[in-house]
Amino acid sequence: MNLSKIKSRWIVFIPAITCFLLLSLMANAQGIKTTVTEILASPDKYDGKVVMVEGKASSIKEKTSKKGNAYTTFKITQKGNTLSVFTFGELTIKNGDTVRVEGKYQKVKFVPPKLTFYNEIDASRGSVEKM
């Protein structure tokens, strides 16, 4: 086999492998579609994973950190079960809106120097959408 045939095969093979890897990464970037109830029933199963849940928004609070960064916290409730949600920026949702949240669930989240949050979805790298 000569060198030009080998090169032409690699020219086709490398982009095909690259596309496959990119598609795999994109598929894994999407959250696990679940429910608030399922997360609270098995928090260890979802701890540290990106999840996607739907529910009613309540207790919406828009604040600014000591460093000047705007952020929003709220509760998402489904069938009487509630999780906390955190995200940077301001949202266009209101109390009572049905929302879809995608973000990293943490059973326990420590924020130095002495803050601790329980059962929270950090949607900073995910999304919060009004349904």
N, C-alpha and C. Protein backbone atom coordinates (compact mmCIF):
# COMPACT_ATOMS: atom_id res chain seq x y z
N MET A 1 0.85 -1.16 0.00
CA MET A 1 0.00 0.00 0.00
C MET A 1 0.90 1.24 0.00
N ASN A 2 0.59 2.16 -0.88
CA ASN A 2 1.45 3.34 -0.95
C ASN A 2 1.00 4.43 0.03
N LEU A 3 1.83 5.42 0.21
CA LEU A 3 1.63 6.48 1.18
C LEU A 3 0.39 7.33 0.88
N SER A 4 0.08 7.58 -0.37
CA SER A 4 -1.08 8.42 -0.70
C SER A 4 -2.39 7.73 -0.34
N LYS A 5 -2.48 6.41 -0.47
CA LYS A 5 -3.69 5.69 -0.08
C LYS A 5 -3.88 5.74 1.44
N ILE A 6 -2.80 5.61 2.19
CA ILE A 6 -2.87 5.67 3.64
C ILE A 6 -3.34 7.05 4.07
N LYS A 7 -2.78 8.11 3.48
CA LYS A 7 -3.17 9.47 3.82
C LYS A 7 -4.65 9.71 3.51
N SER A 8 -5.13 9.23 2.38
CA SER A 8 -6.53 9.47 2.01
C SER A 8 -7.49 8.75 2.96
N ARG A 9 -7.11 7.60 3.47
CA ARG A 9 -7.95 6.90 4.44
C ARG A 9 -8.00 7.67 5.76
N TRP A 10 -6.86 8.18 6.19
CA TRP A 10 -6.82 8.96 7.44
C TRP A 10 -7.60 10.26 7.31
N ILE A 11 -7.61 10.85 6.12
CA ILE A 11 -8.35 12.10 5.91
C ILE A 11 -9.85 11.87 6.10
N VAL A 12 -10.34 10.71 5.78
CA VAL A 12 -11.75 10.37 5.98
C VAL A 12 -11.98 9.89 7.42
N PHE A 13 -11.07 9.12 7.96
CA PHE A 13 -11.23 8.50 9.27
C PHE A 13 -11.22 9.52 10.41
N ILE A 14 -10.28 10.44 10.39
CA ILE A 14 -10.15 11.41 11.49
C ILE A 14 -11.39 12.29 11.65
N PRO A 15 -11.93 12.90 10.59
CA PRO A 15 -13.16 13.69 10.79
C PRO A 15 -14.35 12.85 11.27
N ALA A 16 -14.43 11.60 10.82
CA ALA A 16 -15.53 10.74 11.25
C ALA A 16 -15.43 10.46 12.74
N ILE A 17 -14.26 10.16 13.23
CA ILE A 17 -14.06 9.91 14.67
C ILE A 17 -14.33 11.19 15.46
N THR A 18 -13.87 12.34 14.96
CA THR A 18 -14.08 13.61 15.63
C THR A 18 -15.58 13.91 15.77
N CYS A 19 -16.34 13.70 14.72
CA CYS A 19 -17.79 13.92 14.77
C CYS A 19 -18.45 12.99 15.78
N PHE A 20 -18.05 11.74 15.80
CA PHE A 20 -18.60 10.77 16.74
C PHE A 20 -18.34 11.21 18.18
N LEU A 21 -17.11 11.63 18.48
CA LEU A 21 -16.77 12.07 19.83
C LEU A 21 -17.54 13.31 20.24
N LEU A 22 -17.68 14.28 19.33
CA LEU A 22 -18.44 15.49 19.64
C LEU A 22 -19.91 15.18 19.91
N LEU A 23 -20.50 14.31 19.11
CA LEU A 23 -21.90 13.94 19.33
C LEU A 23 -22.07 13.21 20.66
N SER A 24 -21.11 12.38 21.02
CA SER A 24 -21.17 11.68 22.30
C SER A 24 -21.11 12.66 23.46
N LEU A 25 -20.23 13.64 23.37
CA LEU A 25 -20.12 14.65 24.42
C LEU A 25 -21.40 15.47 24.55
N MET A 26 -21.98 15.84 23.41
CA MET A 26 -23.21 16.63 23.44
C MET A 26 -24.36 15.84 24.05
N ALA A 27 -24.43 14.57 23.77
CA ALA A 27 -25.49 13.74 24.33
C ALA A 27 -25.34 13.62 25.84
N ASN A 28 -24.10 13.51 26.32
CA ASN A 28 -23.86 13.40 27.75
C ASN A 28 -24.06 14.72 28.49
N ALA A 29 -24.04 15.83 27.77
CA ALA A 29 -24.18 17.14 28.40
C ALA A 29 -25.63 17.38 28.84
N GLN A 30 -26.57 16.69 28.24
CA GLN A 30 -27.97 16.85 28.60
C GLN A 30 -28.24 16.18 29.94
N GLY A 31 -29.11 16.82 30.73
CA GLY A 31 -29.40 16.29 32.04
C GLY A 31 -30.25 15.04 32.03
N ILE A 32 -30.20 14.31 33.13
CA ILE A 32 -31.04 13.14 33.33
C ILE A 32 -32.45 13.63 33.61
N LYS A 33 -33.39 13.29 32.75
CA LYS A 33 -34.78 13.71 32.97
C LYS A 33 -35.37 12.89 34.10
N THR A 34 -35.78 13.58 35.16
CA THR A 34 -36.30 12.91 36.34
C THR A 34 -37.34 13.80 36.99
N THR A 35 -37.70 13.50 38.22
CA THR A 35 -38.68 14.30 38.94
C THR A 35 -38.09 14.72 40.29
N VAL A 36 -38.69 15.76 40.86
CA VAL A 36 -38.28 16.20 42.20
C VAL A 36 -38.48 15.05 43.18
N THR A 37 -39.58 14.35 43.06
CA THR A 37 -39.90 13.22 43.94
C THR A 37 -38.83 12.13 43.85
N GLU A 38 -38.41 11.78 42.62
CA GLU A 38 -37.40 10.74 42.44
C GLU A 38 -36.06 11.16 43.05
N ILE A 39 -35.68 12.42 42.87
CA ILE A 39 -34.41 12.90 43.43
C ILE A 39 -34.43 12.80 44.95
N LEU A 40 -35.52 13.27 45.56
CA LEU A 40 -35.60 13.24 47.03
C LEU A 40 -35.70 11.82 47.58
N ALA A 41 -36.25 10.90 46.79
CA ALA A 41 -36.35 9.50 47.22
C ALA A 41 -34.99 8.80 47.15
N SER A 42 -34.12 9.22 46.21
CA SER A 42 -32.80 8.60 46.03
C SER A 42 -31.74 9.67 45.79
N PRO A 43 -31.50 10.53 46.77
CA PRO A 43 -30.58 11.65 46.54
C PRO A 43 -29.15 11.22 46.18
N ASP A 44 -28.68 10.12 46.74
CA ASP A 44 -27.32 9.66 46.43
C ASP A 44 -27.17 9.26 44.96
N LYS A 45 -28.23 8.77 44.37
CA LYS A 45 -28.22 8.36 42.96
C LYS A 45 -27.97 9.55 42.04
N TYR A 46 -28.48 10.72 42.41
CA TYR A 46 -28.41 11.92 41.56
C TYR A 46 -27.34 12.91 42.00
N ASP A 47 -26.75 12.72 43.17
CA ASP A 47 -25.78 13.66 43.71
C ASP A 47 -24.61 13.86 42.75
N GLY A 48 -24.37 15.13 42.38
CA GLY A 48 -23.27 15.46 41.48
C GLY A 48 -23.59 15.31 40.02
N LYS A 49 -24.80 14.91 39.69
CA LYS A 49 -25.19 14.69 38.30
C LYS A 49 -26.05 15.85 37.77
N VAL A 50 -26.02 16.04 36.46
CA VAL A 50 -26.86 17.04 35.82
C VAL A 50 -28.24 16.42 35.63
N VAL A 51 -29.25 17.11 36.16
CA VAL A 51 -30.62 16.61 36.11
C VAL A 51 -31.53 17.64 35.43
N MET A 52 -32.68 17.18 34.98
CA MET A 52 -33.70 18.05 34.41
C MET A 52 -35.03 17.71 35.08
N VAL A 53 -35.65 18.73 35.71
CA VAL A 53 -36.93 18.52 36.39
C VAL A 53 -37.89 19.63 36.01
N GLU A 54 -39.18 19.35 36.20
CA GLU A 54 -40.22 20.34 35.96
C GLU A 54 -41.06 20.48 37.22
N GLY A 55 -41.56 21.69 37.45
CA GLY A 55 -42.41 21.93 38.60
C GLY A 55 -42.81 23.39 38.69
N LYS A 56 -43.44 23.74 39.80
CA LYS A 56 -43.89 25.12 40.04
C LYS A 56 -42.81 25.89 40.79
N ALA A 57 -42.55 27.12 40.34
CA ALA A 57 -41.57 27.99 40.99
C ALA A 57 -42.23 28.76 42.13
N SER A 58 -41.50 28.91 43.23
CA SER A 58 -41.97 29.71 44.35
C SER A 58 -40.78 30.28 45.11
N SER A 59 -41.07 31.20 46.00
CA SER A 59 -40.03 31.82 46.85
C SER A 59 -38.87 32.37 46.03
N ILE A 60 -39.19 33.03 44.91
CA ILE A 60 -38.15 33.58 44.03
C ILE A 60 -37.51 34.79 44.69
N LYS A 61 -36.17 34.75 44.76
CA LYS A 61 -35.42 35.85 45.36
C LYS A 61 -34.27 36.23 44.44
N GLU A 62 -34.26 37.48 44.01
CA GLU A 62 -33.16 38.00 43.20
C GLU A 62 -32.25 38.80 44.12
N LYS A 63 -30.96 38.48 44.09
CA LYS A 63 -30.01 39.11 45.00
C LYS A 63 -28.73 39.46 44.26
N THR A 64 -27.85 40.17 44.96
CA THR A 64 -26.52 40.51 44.45
C THR A 64 -25.50 40.08 45.49
N SER A 65 -24.47 39.38 45.04
CA SER A 65 -23.43 38.91 45.96
C SER A 65 -22.55 40.08 46.41
N LYS A 66 -21.72 39.83 47.41
CA LYS A 66 -20.78 40.84 47.89
C LYS A 66 -19.82 41.28 46.79
N LYS A 67 -19.59 40.42 45.82
CA LYS A 67 -18.70 40.75 44.69
C LYS A 67 -19.45 41.46 43.57
N GLY A 68 -20.76 41.68 43.74
CA GLY A 68 -21.54 42.40 42.73
C GLY A 68 -22.17 41.54 41.66
N ASN A 69 -22.21 40.23 41.85
CA ASN A 69 -22.80 39.32 40.87
C ASN A 69 -24.28 39.08 41.18
N ALA A 70 -25.13 39.33 40.21
CA ALA A 70 -26.56 39.07 40.38
C ALA A 70 -26.80 37.57 40.36
N TYR A 71 -27.71 37.11 41.24
CA TYR A 71 -28.09 35.70 41.23
C TYR A 71 -29.53 35.57 41.70
N THR A 72 -30.12 34.42 41.40
CA THR A 72 -31.51 34.14 41.75
C THR A 72 -31.59 32.79 42.44
N THR A 73 -32.39 32.73 43.49
CA THR A 73 -32.71 31.46 44.13
C THR A 73 -34.23 31.31 44.14
N PHE A 74 -34.68 30.07 44.08
CA PHE A 74 -36.11 29.79 44.20
C PHE A 74 -36.31 28.32 44.54
N LYS A 75 -37.54 27.99 44.81
CA LYS A 75 -37.92 26.60 45.09
C LYS A 75 -38.66 26.07 43.87
N ILE A 76 -38.45 24.80 43.57
CA ILE A 76 -39.24 24.12 42.54
C ILE A 76 -39.98 22.98 43.23
N THR A 77 -41.30 22.97 43.05
CA THR A 77 -42.14 22.02 43.75
C THR A 77 -42.91 21.16 42.76
N GLN A 78 -43.00 19.87 43.10
CA GLN A 78 -43.76 18.92 42.28
C GLN A 78 -44.40 17.92 43.23
N LYS A 79 -45.69 17.81 43.18
CA LYS A 79 -46.43 16.85 44.02
C LYS A 79 -46.07 16.99 45.49
N GLY A 80 -45.93 18.22 45.96
CA GLY A 80 -45.65 18.48 47.37
C GLY A 80 -44.19 18.33 47.78
N ASN A 81 -43.32 17.95 46.86
CA ASN A 81 -41.89 17.81 47.15
C ASN A 81 -41.14 19.01 46.56
N THR A 82 -40.13 19.48 47.29
CA THR A 82 -39.46 20.73 46.91
C THR A 82 -37.95 20.60 46.91
N LEU A 83 -37.32 21.20 45.89
CA LEU A 83 -35.87 21.36 45.81
C LEU A 83 -35.56 22.84 45.70
N SER A 84 -34.37 23.23 46.12
CA SER A 84 -33.90 24.60 45.94
C SER A 84 -33.18 24.70 44.60
N VAL A 85 -33.23 25.91 44.01
CA VAL A 85 -32.54 26.16 42.74
C VAL A 85 -31.72 27.43 42.88
N PHE A 86 -30.51 27.41 42.33
CA PHE A 86 -29.63 28.57 42.31
C PHE A 86 -29.19 28.79 40.87
N THR A 87 -29.11 30.06 40.45
CA THR A 87 -28.52 30.38 39.17
C THR A 87 -28.03 31.82 39.19
N PHE A 88 -27.00 32.09 38.42
CA PHE A 88 -26.53 33.46 38.30
C PHE A 88 -27.45 34.23 37.38
N GLY A 89 -27.55 35.54 37.59
CA GLY A 89 -28.36 36.41 36.75
C GLY A 89 -29.78 36.53 37.26
N GLU A 90 -30.57 37.27 36.50
CA GLU A 90 -31.98 37.47 36.83
C GLU A 90 -32.83 36.65 35.88
N LEU A 91 -33.95 36.18 36.38
CA LEU A 91 -34.85 35.33 35.58
C LEU A 91 -36.14 36.08 35.27
N THR A 92 -36.83 35.61 34.26
CA THR A 92 -38.11 36.22 33.87
C THR A 92 -39.28 35.34 34.31
N ILE A 93 -39.12 34.66 35.42
CA ILE A 93 -40.20 33.81 35.93
C ILE A 93 -40.83 34.47 37.14
N LYS A 94 -42.07 34.03 37.43
CA LYS A 94 -42.80 34.54 38.60
C LYS A 94 -43.23 33.36 39.46
N ASN A 95 -43.53 33.66 40.73
CA ASN A 95 -44.06 32.64 41.61
C ASN A 95 -45.31 32.02 40.97
N GLY A 96 -45.39 30.70 40.98
CA GLY A 96 -46.53 30.00 40.40
C GLY A 96 -46.30 29.53 38.98
N ASP A 97 -45.27 30.05 38.31
CA ASP A 97 -44.97 29.60 36.94
C ASP A 97 -44.50 28.15 36.95
N THR A 98 -44.88 27.41 35.92
CA THR A 98 -44.34 26.07 35.71
C THR A 98 -43.03 26.24 34.96
N VAL A 99 -41.96 25.64 35.50
CA VAL A 99 -40.63 25.81 34.92
C VAL A 99 -39.96 24.46 34.71
N ARG A 100 -38.99 24.48 33.80
CA ARG A 100 -38.10 23.32 33.59
C ARG A 100 -36.71 23.79 33.99
N VAL A 101 -36.08 23.05 34.88
CA VAL A 101 -34.75 23.39 35.38
C VAL A 101 -33.77 22.28 35.00
N GLU A 102 -32.64 22.70 34.45
CA GLU A 102 -31.57 21.75 34.16
C GLU A 102 -30.31 22.27 34.85
N GLY A 103 -29.68 21.43 35.66
CA GLY A 103 -28.48 21.83 36.35
C GLY A 103 -27.93 20.69 37.19
N LYS A 104 -26.86 21.00 37.90
CA LYS A 104 -26.17 19.99 38.72
C LYS A 104 -26.83 19.91 40.10
N TYR A 105 -27.32 18.72 40.43
CA TYR A 105 -27.94 18.49 41.74
C TYR A 105 -26.86 18.17 42.76
N GLN A 106 -27.00 18.77 43.94
CA GLN A 106 -26.10 18.45 45.04
C GLN A 106 -26.93 18.20 46.29
N LYS A 107 -26.71 17.06 46.88
CA LYS A 107 -27.40 16.69 48.11
C LYS A 107 -27.00 17.66 49.23
N VAL A 108 -25.71 17.95 49.34
CA VAL A 108 -25.18 18.92 50.30
C VAL A 108 -24.15 19.76 49.57
N LYS A 109 -24.27 21.09 49.68
CA LYS A 109 -23.34 22.01 49.02
C LYS A 109 -22.78 22.95 50.08
N PHE A 110 -21.44 22.95 50.20
CA PHE A 110 -20.75 23.82 51.14
C PHE A 110 -20.20 25.03 50.39
N VAL A 111 -20.50 26.23 50.90
CA VAL A 111 -19.96 27.46 50.32
C VAL A 111 -19.18 28.16 51.43
N PRO A 112 -17.86 28.24 51.27
CA PRO A 112 -17.04 28.87 52.31
C PRO A 112 -17.45 30.33 52.53
N PRO A 113 -17.34 30.87 53.72
CA PRO A 113 -16.68 30.23 54.84
C PRO A 113 -17.60 29.32 55.65
N LYS A 114 -18.93 29.57 55.69
CA LYS A 114 -19.74 28.73 56.57
C LYS A 114 -21.18 28.50 56.12
N LEU A 115 -21.44 28.54 54.83
CA LEU A 115 -22.80 28.30 54.33
C LEU A 115 -22.94 26.85 53.88
N THR A 116 -24.09 26.26 54.18
CA THR A 116 -24.39 24.90 53.74
C THR A 116 -25.80 24.89 53.16
N PHE A 117 -25.93 24.32 51.97
CA PHE A 117 -27.22 24.20 51.30
C PHE A 117 -27.52 22.72 51.08
N TYR A 118 -28.79 22.37 51.18
CA TYR A 118 -29.22 20.98 51.02
C TYR A 118 -30.19 20.86 49.85
N ASN A 119 -30.06 19.76 49.11
CA ASN A 119 -30.98 19.44 48.01
C ASN A 119 -31.17 20.62 47.07
N GLU A 120 -30.07 20.98 46.41
CA GLU A 120 -30.07 22.15 45.52
C GLU A 120 -29.65 21.77 44.11
N ILE A 121 -30.30 22.40 43.14
CA ILE A 121 -29.88 22.29 41.75
C ILE A 121 -29.21 23.60 41.39
N ASP A 122 -27.96 23.53 40.96
CA ASP A 122 -27.23 24.70 40.49
C ASP A 122 -27.41 24.77 38.98
N ALA A 123 -28.24 25.71 38.54
CA ALA A 123 -28.55 25.84 37.11
C ALA A 123 -27.67 26.87 36.42
N SER A 124 -26.58 27.28 37.06
CA SER A 124 -25.69 28.30 36.48
C SER A 124 -25.14 27.88 35.12
N ARG A 125 -24.85 26.61 34.96
CA ARG A 125 -24.34 26.11 33.69
C ARG A 125 -25.41 25.33 32.93
N GLY A 126 -26.62 25.40 33.44
CA GLY A 126 -27.75 24.72 32.80
C GLY A 126 -28.74 25.74 32.30
N SER A 127 -30.00 25.55 32.69
CA SER A 127 -31.03 26.48 32.22
C SER A 127 -32.25 26.46 33.12
N VAL A 128 -33.00 27.56 33.08
CA VAL A 128 -34.29 27.67 33.73
C VAL A 128 -35.23 28.22 32.67
N GLU A 129 -36.26 27.45 32.32
CA GLU A 129 -37.20 27.85 31.28
C GLU A 129 -38.61 27.86 31.82
N LYS A 130 -39.35 28.91 31.47
CA LYS A 130 -40.78 28.96 31.77
C LYS A 130 -41.47 28.06 30.75
N MET A 131 -42.40 27.24 31.23
CA MET A 131 -43.10 26.30 30.33
C MET A 131 -44.33 26.95 29.73
